[in-house]
Amino acid sequence: MPEEQMKVIADSIWKYILEKYLKPYLADSVCYYMATVVTAASGGVIEVQRPYDNAVTLPCAANAESLVAGDPCMVLVFGDFSNQMVIGNIASL
């Protein structure tokens, strides 16, 4: 129970910091992060997850279509985090 309450508090603090301080700076930026494939690509989308985060379904590049569950991958973020794309396996980049 305390862990759940701590996660709610941490998520609230992160949302506040993101909206107030980070989003204005992220609008014109490009960044990346590493994730793990949860569900293999199908129909141009793939499900990935960062450590300690929920899985998300994202569009993927053609070379990411061969990724399978458990593979590491790189995700590019254009602007804010609503515009992301899986670009492929880290080892093949």
PDB file of N, CA and C in Angstrom:
ATOM      1  N   MET A   1       0.810  -1.204   0.000  1.00  0.00           N
ATOM      2  CA  MET A   1       0.000   0.000   0.000  1.00  0.00           C
ATOM      3  C   MET A   1       0.858   1.274   0.000  1.00  0.00           C
ATOM      4  N   PRO A   2       1.875   1.392   0.872  1.00  0.00           N
ATOM      5  CA  PRO A   2       2.698   2.608   0.844  1.00  0.00           C
ATOM      6  C   PRO A   2       3.385   2.823  -0.497  1.00  0.00           C
ATOM      7  N   GLU A   3       3.765   1.704  -1.171  1.00  0.00           N
ATOM      8  CA  GLU A   3       4.413   1.842  -2.478  1.00  0.00           C
ATOM      9  C   GLU A   3       3.465   2.471  -3.495  1.00  0.00           C
ATOM     10  N   GLU A   4       2.192   2.079  -3.442  1.00  0.00           N
ATOM     11  CA  GLU A   4       1.199   2.635  -4.362  1.00  0.00           C
ATOM     12  C   GLU A   4       0.998   4.127  -4.103  1.00  0.00           C
ATOM     13  N   GLN A   5       0.939   4.503  -2.836  1.00  0.00           N
ATOM     14  CA  GLN A   5       0.774   5.913  -2.488  1.00  0.00           C
ATOM     15  C   GLN A   5       1.996   6.726  -2.919  1.00  0.00           C
ATOM     16  N   MET A   6       3.189   6.162  -2.742  1.00  0.00           N
ATOM     17  CA  MET A   6       4.405   6.849  -3.145  1.00  0.00           C
ATOM     18  C   MET A   6       4.438   7.042  -4.661  1.00  0.00           C
ATOM     19  N   LYS A   7       3.976   6.039  -5.423  1.00  0.00           N
ATOM     20  CA  LYS A   7       3.937   6.159  -6.877  1.00  0.00           C
ATOM     21  C   LYS A   7       2.962   7.255  -7.295  1.00  0.00           C
ATOM     22  N   VAL A   8       1.821   7.358  -6.652  1.00  0.00           N
ATOM     23  CA  VAL A   8       0.849   8.407  -6.963  1.00  0.00           C
ATOM     24  C   VAL A   8       1.463   9.783  -6.703  1.00  0.00           C
ATOM     25  N   ILE A   9       2.142   9.927  -5.586  1.00  0.00           N
ATOM     26  CA  ILE A   9       2.787  11.203  -5.251  1.00  0.00           C
ATOM     27  C   ILE A   9       3.887  11.525  -6.256  1.00  0.00           C
ATOM     28  N   ALA A  10       4.730  10.541  -6.563  1.00  0.00           N
ATOM     29  CA  ALA A  10       5.817  10.763  -7.521  1.00  0.00           C
ATOM     30  C   ALA A  10       5.282  11.116  -8.899  1.00  0.00           C
ATOM     31  N   ASP A  11       4.226  10.435  -9.336  1.00  0.00           N
ATOM     32  CA  ASP A  11       3.621  10.746 -10.643  1.00  0.00           C
ATOM     33  C   ASP A  11       3.056  12.165 -10.674  1.00  0.00           C
ATOM     34  N   SER A  12       2.450  12.595  -9.582  1.00  0.00           N
ATOM     35  CA  SER A  12       1.904  13.951  -9.508  1.00  0.00           C
ATOM     36  C   SER A  12       3.006  15.006  -9.576  1.00  0.00           C
ATOM     37  N   ILE A  13       4.093  14.761  -8.856  1.00  0.00           N
ATOM     38  CA  ILE A  13       5.213  15.698  -8.879  1.00  0.00           C
ATOM     39  C   ILE A  13       5.821  15.754 -10.273  1.00  0.00           C
ATOM     40  N   TRP A  14       6.008  14.590 -10.899  1.00  0.00           N
ATOM     41  CA  TRP A  14       6.579  14.551 -12.246  1.00  0.00           C
ATOM     42  C   TRP A  14       5.685  15.297 -13.238  1.00  0.00           C
ATOM     43  N   LYS A  15       4.388  15.090 -13.148  1.00  0.00           N
ATOM     44  CA  LYS A  15       3.465  15.768 -14.071  1.00  0.00           C
ATOM     45  C   LYS A  15       3.574  17.286 -13.911  1.00  0.00           C
ATOM     46  N   TYR A  16       3.647  17.760 -12.686  1.00  0.00           N
ATOM     47  CA  TYR A  16       3.779  19.194 -12.437  1.00  0.00           C
ATOM     48  C   TYR A  16       5.077  19.741 -13.036  1.00  0.00           C
ATOM     49  N   ILE A  17       6.194  19.071 -12.771  1.00  0.00           N
ATOM     50  CA  ILE A  17       7.492  19.528 -13.279  1.00  0.00           C
ATOM     51  C   ILE A  17       7.512  19.497 -14.801  1.00  0.00           C
ATOM     52  N   LEU A  18       6.973  18.426 -15.380  1.00  0.00           N
ATOM     53  CA  LEU A  18       6.948  18.294 -16.829  1.00  0.00           C
ATOM     54  C   LEU A  18       6.161  19.427 -17.480  1.00  0.00           C
ATOM     55  N   GLU A  19       4.963  19.676 -16.987  1.00  0.00           N
ATOM     56  CA  GLU A  19       4.106  20.715 -17.580  1.00  0.00           C
ATOM     57  C   GLU A  19       4.666  22.117 -17.381  1.00  0.00           C
ATOM     58  N   LYS A  20       5.164  22.408 -16.196  1.00  0.00           N
ATOM     59  CA  LYS A  20       5.586  23.770 -15.876  1.00  0.00           C
ATOM     60  C   LYS A  20       6.984  24.114 -16.393  1.00  0.00           C
ATOM     61  N   TYR A  21       7.914  23.182 -16.301  1.00  0.00           N
ATOM     62  CA  TYR A  21       9.305  23.510 -16.597  1.00  0.00           C
ATOM     63  C   TYR A  21       9.881  22.846 -17.840  1.00  0.00           C
ATOM     64  N   LEU A  22       9.510  21.600 -18.113  1.00  0.00           N
ATOM     65  CA  LEU A  22      10.175  20.872 -19.189  1.00  0.00           C
ATOM     66  C   LEU A  22       9.512  20.995 -20.556  1.00  0.00           C
ATOM     67  N   LYS A  23       8.185  20.957 -20.613  1.00  0.00           N
ATOM     68  CA  LYS A  23       7.514  20.979 -21.912  1.00  0.00           C
ATOM     69  C   LYS A  23       7.897  22.172 -22.781  1.00  0.00           C
ATOM     70  N   PRO A  24       8.012  23.375 -22.232  1.00  0.00           N
ATOM     71  CA  PRO A  24       8.411  24.499 -23.088  1.00  0.00           C
ATOM     72  C   PRO A  24       9.784  24.292 -23.732  1.00  0.00           C
ATOM     73  N   TYR A  25      10.697  23.626 -23.033  1.00  0.00           N
ATOM     74  CA  TYR A  25      12.033  23.385 -23.576  1.00  0.00           C
ATOM     75  C   TYR A  25      12.084  22.188 -24.519  1.00  0.00           C
ATOM     76  N   LEU A  26      11.145  21.269 -24.361  1.00  0.00           N
ATOM     77  CA  LEU A  26      11.136  20.064 -25.181  1.00  0.00           C
ATOM     78  C   LEU A  26      10.452  20.258 -26.534  1.00  0.00           C
ATOM     79  N   ALA A  27       9.735  21.338 -26.713  1.00  0.00           N
ATOM     80  CA  ALA A  27       8.929  21.525 -27.920  1.00  0.00           C
ATOM     81  C   ALA A  27       9.736  21.402 -29.206  1.00  0.00           C
ATOM     82  N   ASP A  28      10.952  21.874 -29.240  1.00  0.00           N
ATOM     83  CA  ASP A  28      11.769  21.846 -30.457  1.00  0.00           C
ATOM     84  C   ASP A  28      12.969  20.916 -30.332  1.00  0.00           C
ATOM     85  N   SER A  29      12.866  19.910 -29.514  1.00  0.00           N
ATOM     86  CA  SER A  29      14.026  19.058 -29.270  1.00  0.00           C
ATOM     87  C   SER A  29      13.841  17.658 -29.855  1.00  0.00           C
ATOM     88  N   VAL A  30      14.940  16.944 -29.931  1.00  0.00           N
ATOM     89  CA  VAL A  30      14.935  15.529 -30.297  1.00  0.00           C
ATOM     90  C   VAL A  30      15.767  14.815 -29.237  1.00  0.00           C
ATOM     91  N   CYS A  31      15.215  13.758 -28.662  1.00  0.00           N
ATOM     92  CA  CYS A  31      15.966  12.968 -27.697  1.00  0.00           C
ATOM     93  C   CYS A  31      15.642  11.495 -27.920  1.00  0.00           C
ATOM     94  N   TYR A  32      16.263  10.639 -27.158  1.00  0.00           N
ATOM     95  CA  TYR A  32      16.022   9.208 -27.289  1.00  0.00           C
ATOM     96  C   TYR A  32      16.093   8.540 -25.935  1.00  0.00           C
ATOM     97  N   TYR A  33      15.548   7.343 -25.870  1.00  0.00           N
ATOM     98  CA  TYR A  33      15.706   6.506 -24.693  1.00  0.00           C
ATOM     99  C   TYR A  33      15.694   5.046 -25.109  1.00  0.00           C
ATOM    100  N   MET A  34      16.202   4.211 -24.241  1.00  0.00           N
ATOM    101  CA  MET A  34      16.239   2.773 -24.485  1.00  0.00           C
ATOM    102  C   MET A  34      15.034   2.132 -23.816  1.00  0.00           C
ATOM    103  N   ALA A  35      14.507   1.112 -24.461  1.00  0.00           N
ATOM    104  CA  ALA A  35      13.346   0.396 -23.929  1.00  0.00           C
ATOM    105  C   ALA A  35      13.489  -1.084 -24.273  1.00  0.00           C
ATOM    106  N   THR A  36      12.565  -1.871 -23.767  1.00  0.00           N
ATOM    107  CA  THR A  36      12.518  -3.301 -24.062  1.00  0.00           C
ATOM    108  C   THR A  36      11.208  -3.604 -24.769  1.00  0.00           C
ATOM    109  N   VAL A  37      11.276  -4.413 -25.810  1.00  0.00           N
ATOM    110  CA  VAL A  37      10.075  -4.789 -26.558  1.00  0.00           C
ATOM    111  C   VAL A  37       9.227  -5.718 -25.698  1.00  0.00           C
ATOM    112  N   VAL A  38       7.934  -5.393 -25.599  1.00  0.00           N
ATOM    113  CA  VAL A  38       6.991  -6.219 -24.847  1.00  0.00           C
ATOM    114  C   VAL A  38       6.229  -7.133 -25.805  1.00  0.00           C
ATOM    115  N   THR A  39       5.757  -6.554 -26.915  1.00  0.00           N
ATOM    116  CA  THR A  39       5.016  -7.301 -27.927  1.00  0.00           C
ATOM    117  C   THR A  39       5.618  -6.984 -29.282  1.00  0.00           C
ATOM    118  N   ALA A  40       5.859  -8.014 -30.076  1.00  0.00           N
ATOM    119  CA  ALA A  40       6.470  -7.832 -31.396  1.00  0.00           C
ATOM    120  C   ALA A  40       5.624  -6.920 -32.285  1.00  0.00           C
ATOM    121  N   ALA A  41       6.271  -6.343 -33.278  1.00  0.00           N
ATOM    122  CA  ALA A  41       5.610  -5.401 -34.187  1.00  0.00           C
ATOM    123  C   ALA A  41       4.506  -6.083 -34.987  1.00  0.00           C
ATOM    124  N   SER A  42       3.443  -5.315 -35.204  1.00  0.00           N
ATOM    125  CA  SER A  42       2.327  -5.787 -36.006  1.00  0.00           C
ATOM    126  C   SER A  42       1.608  -4.565 -36.555  1.00  0.00           C
ATOM    127  N   GLY A  43       1.501  -4.490 -37.869  1.00  0.00           N
ATOM    128  CA  GLY A  43       0.785  -3.367 -38.464  1.00  0.00           C
ATOM    129  C   GLY A  43       1.472  -2.030 -38.290  1.00  0.00           C
ATOM    130  N   GLY A  44       2.792  -2.043 -38.173  1.00  0.00           N
ATOM    131  CA  GLY A  44       3.535  -0.789 -38.051  1.00  0.00           C
ATOM    132  C   GLY A  44       3.615  -0.215 -36.656  1.00  0.00           C
ATOM    133  N   VAL A  45       3.129  -0.958 -35.652  1.00  0.00           N
ATOM    134  CA  VAL A  45       3.237  -0.507 -34.255  1.00  0.00           C
ATOM    135  C   VAL A  45       3.870  -1.617 -33.422  1.00  0.00           C
ATOM    136  N   ILE A  46       4.478  -1.221 -32.317  1.00  0.00           N
ATOM    137  CA  ILE A  46       5.159  -2.161 -31.432  1.00  0.00           C
ATOM    138  C   ILE A  46       4.963  -1.685 -29.995  1.00  0.00           C
ATOM    139  N   GLU A  47       4.886  -2.624 -29.068  1.00  0.00           N
ATOM    140  CA  GLU A  47       4.704  -2.269 -27.662  1.00  0.00           C
ATOM    141  C   GLU A  47       6.046  -2.385 -26.947  1.00  0.00           C
ATOM    142  N   VAL A  48       6.455  -1.296 -26.279  1.00  0.00           N
ATOM    143  CA  VAL A  48       7.734  -1.255 -25.575  1.00  0.00           C
ATOM    144  C   VAL A  48       7.522  -0.764 -24.150  1.00  0.00           C
ATOM    145  N   GLN A  49       8.529  -1.005 -23.321  1.00  0.00           N
ATOM    146  CA  GLN A  49       8.449  -0.576 -21.924  1.00  0.00           C
ATOM    147  C   GLN A  49       9.818  -0.168 -21.414  1.00  0.00           C
ATOM    148  N   ARG A  50       9.851   0.969 -20.728  1.00  0.00           N
ATOM    149  CA  ARG A  50      11.052   1.395 -20.015  1.00  0.00           C
ATOM    150  C   ARG A  50      11.005   0.810 -18.612  1.00  0.00           C
ATOM    151  N   PRO A  51      12.153   0.658 -17.959  1.00  0.00           N
ATOM    152  CA  PRO A  51      12.138   0.156 -16.584  1.00  0.00           C
ATOM    153  C   PRO A  51      11.274   1.046 -15.682  1.00  0.00           C
ATOM    154  N   TYR A  52      10.490   0.421 -14.842  1.00  0.00           N
ATOM    155  CA  TYR A  52       9.637   1.109 -13.859  1.00  0.00           C
ATOM    156  C   TYR A  52       8.564   1.982 -14.502  1.00  0.00           C
ATOM    157  N   ASP A  53       8.174   1.677 -15.733  1.00  0.00           N
ATOM    158  CA  ASP A  53       7.151   2.459 -16.428  1.00  0.00           C
ATOM    159  C   ASP A  53       6.138   1.499 -17.044  1.00  0.00           C
ATOM    160  N   ASN A  54       5.008   2.029 -17.469  1.00  0.00           N
ATOM    161  CA  ASN A  54       4.001   1.223 -18.137  1.00  0.00           C
ATOM    162  C   ASN A  54       4.394   1.002 -19.589  1.00  0.00           C
ATOM    163  N   ALA A  55       3.936  -0.092 -20.151  1.00  0.00           N
ATOM    164  CA  ALA A  55       4.190  -0.372 -21.567  1.00  0.00           C
ATOM    165  C   ALA A  55       3.374   0.590 -22.427  1.00  0.00           C
ATOM    166  N   VAL A  56       3.943   1.001 -23.562  1.00  0.00           N
ATOM    167  CA  VAL A  56       3.251   1.882 -24.500  1.00  0.00           C
ATOM    168  C   VAL A  56       3.355   1.291 -25.905  1.00  0.00           C
ATOM    169  N   THR A  57       2.339   1.537 -26.701  1.00  0.00           N
ATOM    170  CA  THR A  57       2.340   1.110 -28.092  1.00  0.00           C
ATOM    171  C   THR A  57       2.737   2.294 -28.950  1.00  0.00           C
ATOM    172  N   LEU A  58       3.780   2.104 -29.771  1.00  0.00           N
ATOM    173  CA  LEU A  58       4.340   3.193 -30.564  1.00  0.00           C
ATOM    174  C   LEU A  58       4.492   2.760 -32.014  1.00  0.00           C
ATOM    175  N   PRO A  59       4.501   3.727 -32.938  1.00  0.00           N
ATOM    176  CA  PRO A  59       4.820   3.384 -34.325  1.00  0.00           C
ATOM    177  C   PRO A  59       6.289   2.969 -34.409  1.00  0.00           C
ATOM    178  N   CYS A  60       6.614   2.183 -35.439  1.00  0.00           N
ATOM    179  CA  CYS A  60       7.992   1.733 -35.559  1.00  0.00           C
ATOM    180  C   CYS A  60       8.482   1.840 -36.999  1.00  0.00           C
ATOM    181  N   ALA A  61       9.791   2.013 -37.132  1.00  0.00           N
ATOM    182  CA  ALA A  61      10.439   2.050 -38.440  1.00  0.00           C
ATOM    183  C   ALA A  61      10.475   0.631 -39.014  1.00  0.00           C
ATOM    184  N   ALA A  62      10.730   0.539 -40.315  1.00  0.00           N
ATOM    185  CA  ALA A  62      10.737  -0.761 -40.984  1.00  0.00           C
ATOM    186  C   ALA A  62      11.758  -1.718 -40.372  1.00  0.00           C
ATOM    187  N   ASN A  63      12.931  -1.219 -39.977  1.00  0.00           N
ATOM    188  CA  ASN A  63      13.942  -2.120 -39.411  1.00  0.00           C
ATOM    189  C   ASN A  63      13.590  -2.594 -38.001  1.00  0.00           C
ATOM    190  N   ALA A  64      12.574  -2.019 -37.377  1.00  0.00           N
ATOM    191  CA  ALA A  64      12.143  -2.466 -36.051  1.00  0.00           C
ATOM    192  C   ALA A  64      11.084  -3.561 -36.143  1.00  0.00           C
ATOM    193  N   GLU A  65      10.605  -3.852 -37.344  1.00  0.00           N
ATOM    194  CA  GLU A  65       9.577  -4.882 -37.527  1.00  0.00           C
ATOM    195  C   GLU A  65      10.075  -6.264 -37.114  1.00  0.00           C
ATOM    196  N   SER A  66      11.399  -6.489 -37.134  1.00  0.00           N
ATOM    197  CA  SER A  66      11.945  -7.803 -36.812  1.00  0.00           C
ATOM    198  C   SER A  66      12.189  -8.006 -35.316  1.00  0.00           C
ATOM    199  N   LEU A  67      11.953  -6.991 -34.503  1.00  0.00           N
ATOM    200  CA  LEU A  67      12.180  -7.121 -33.063  1.00  0.00           C
ATOM    201  C   LEU A  67      11.159  -8.068 -32.437  1.00  0.00           C
ATOM    202  N   VAL A  68      11.600  -8.828 -31.452  1.00  0.00           N
ATOM    203  CA  VAL A  68      10.718  -9.741 -30.728  1.00  0.00           C
ATOM    204  C   VAL A  68      10.720  -9.360 -29.250  1.00  0.00           C
ATOM    205  N   ALA A  69       9.772  -9.903 -28.514  1.00  0.00           N
ATOM    206  CA  ALA A  69       9.659  -9.601 -27.086  1.00  0.00           C
ATOM    207  C   ALA A  69      10.975  -9.877 -26.377  1.00  0.00           C
ATOM    208  N   GLY A  70      11.396  -8.915 -25.569  1.00  0.00           N
ATOM    209  CA  GLY A  70      12.635  -9.031 -24.814  1.00  0.00           C
ATOM    210  C   GLY A  70      13.822  -8.331 -25.448  1.00  0.00           C
ATOM    211  N   ASP A  71      13.711  -7.973 -26.722  1.00  0.00           N
ATOM    212  CA  ASP A  71      14.809  -7.276 -27.399  1.00  0.00           C
ATOM    213  C   ASP A  71      14.920  -5.834 -26.898  1.00  0.00           C
ATOM    214  N   PRO A  72      16.144  -5.319 -26.766  1.00  0.00           N
ATOM    215  CA  PRO A  72      16.305  -3.894 -26.454  1.00  0.00           C
ATOM    216  C   PRO A  72      16.050  -3.078 -27.722  1.00  0.00           C
ATOM    217  N   CYS A  73      15.582  -1.870 -27.550  1.00  0.00           N
ATOM    218  CA  CYS A  73      15.349  -1.016 -28.711  1.00  0.00           C
ATOM    219  C   CYS A  73      15.583   0.442 -28.337  1.00  0.00           C
ATOM    220  N   MET A  74      15.705   1.274 -29.360  1.00  0.00           N
ATOM    221  CA  MET A  74      15.876   2.708 -29.166  1.00  0.00           C
ATOM    222  C   MET A  74      14.607   3.416 -29.648  1.00  0.00           C
ATOM    223  N   VAL A  75      14.161   4.365 -28.847  1.00  0.00           N
ATOM    224  CA  VAL A  75      12.971   5.144 -29.177  1.00  0.00           C
ATOM    225  C   VAL A  75      13.384   6.601 -29.343  1.00  0.00           C
ATOM    226  N   LEU A  76      13.065   7.183 -30.497  1.00  0.00           N
ATOM    227  CA  LEU A  76      13.308   8.608 -30.726  1.00  0.00           C
ATOM    228  C   LEU A  76      12.084   9.401 -30.314  1.00  0.00           C
ATOM    229  N   VAL A  77      12.315  10.532 -29.688  1.00  0.00           N
ATOM    230  CA  VAL A  77      11.238  11.424 -29.258  1.00  0.00           C
ATOM    231  C   VAL A  77      11.441  12.758 -29.962  1.00  0.00           C
ATOM    232  N   PHE A  78      10.449  13.149 -30.731  1.00  0.00           N
ATOM    233  CA  PHE A  78      10.492  14.425 -31.451  1.00  0.00           C
ATOM    234  C   PHE A  78       9.579  15.410 -30.729  1.00  0.00           C
ATOM    235  N   GLY A  79      10.169  16.424 -30.115  1.00  0.00           N
ATOM    236  CA  GLY A  79       9.354  17.373 -29.354  1.00  0.00           C
ATOM    237  C   GLY A  79       8.963  16.766 -28.030  1.00  0.00           C
ATOM    238  N   ASP A  80       7.662  16.718 -27.748  1.00  0.00           N
ATOM    239  CA  ASP A  80       7.228  16.141 -26.473  1.00  0.00           C
ATOM    240  C   ASP A  80       7.011  14.635 -26.617  1.00  0.00           C
ATOM    241  N   PHE A  81       6.680  13.993 -25.522  1.00  0.00           N
ATOM    242  CA  PHE A  81       6.603  12.536 -25.500  1.00  0.00           C
ATOM    243  C   PHE A  81       5.365  11.976 -26.198  1.00  0.00           C
ATOM    244  N   SER A  82       4.535  12.822 -26.757  1.00  0.00           N
ATOM    245  CA  SER A  82       3.399  12.310 -27.526  1.00  0.00           C
ATOM    246  C   SER A  82       3.810  11.993 -28.961  1.00  0.00           C
ATOM    247  N   ASN A  83       5.050  12.292 -29.334  1.00  0.00           N
ATOM    248  CA  ASN A  83       5.542  12.070 -30.691  1.00  0.00           C
ATOM    249  C   ASN A  83       6.808  11.217 -30.628  1.00  0.00           C
ATOM    250  N   GLN A  84       6.620   9.883 -30.548  1.00  0.00           N
ATOM    251  CA  GLN A  84       7.732   8.954 -30.385  1.00  0.00           C
ATOM    252  C   GLN A  84       7.708   7.907 -31.487  1.00  0.00           C
ATOM    253  N   MET A  85       8.865   7.301 -31.744  1.00  0.00           N
ATOM    254  CA  MET A  85       8.945   6.244 -32.742  1.00  0.00           C
ATOM    255  C   MET A  85      10.083   5.288 -32.389  1.00  0.00           C
ATOM    256  N   VAL A  86       9.811   3.985 -32.471  1.00  0.00           N
ATOM    257  CA  VAL A  86      10.832   2.970 -32.249  1.00  0.00           C
ATOM    258  C   VAL A  86      11.639   2.845 -33.542  1.00  0.00           C
ATOM    259  N   ILE A  87      12.963   3.011 -33.441  1.00  0.00           N
ATOM    260  CA  ILE A  87      13.767   2.982 -34.661  1.00  0.00           C
ATOM    261  C   ILE A  87      14.552   1.700 -34.846  1.00  0.00           C
ATOM    262  N   GLY A  88      14.598   0.810 -33.876  1.00  0.00           N
ATOM    263  CA  GLY A  88      15.251  -0.468 -34.099  1.00  0.00           C
ATOM    264  C   GLY A  88      16.039  -0.975 -32.930  1.00  0.00           C
ATOM    265  N   ASN A  89      16.713  -2.108 -33.166  1.00  0.00           N
ATOM    266  CA  ASN A  89      17.533  -2.758 -32.164  1.00  0.00           C
ATOM    267  C   ASN A  89      18.803  -1.940 -31.944  1.00  0.00           C
ATOM    268  N   ILE A  90      19.198  -1.775 -30.719  1.00  0.00           N
ATOM    269  CA  ILE A  90      20.368  -0.989 -30.366  1.00  0.00           C
ATOM    270  C   ILE A  90      21.623  -1.558 -31.025  1.00  0.00           C
ATOM    271  N   ALA A  91      21.753  -2.871 -31.041  1.00  0.00           N
ATOM    272  CA  ALA A  91      22.956  -3.518 -31.576  1.00  0.00           C
ATOM    273  C   ALA A  91      23.094  -3.298 -33.079  1.00  0.00           C
ATOM    274  N   SER A  92      21.989  -3.130 -33.789  1.00  0.00           N
ATOM    275  CA  SER A  92      22.051  -2.999 -35.239  1.00  0.00           C
ATOM    276  C   SER A  92      22.156  -1.550 -35.719  1.00  0.00           C
ATOM    277  N   LEU A  93      22.136  -0.616 -34.795  1.00  0.00           N
ATOM    278  CA  LEU A  93      22.181   0.800 -35.192  1.00  0.00           C
ATOM    279  C   LEU A  93      23.598   1.313 -35.314  1.00  0.00           C
TER     280      LEU A  93
END
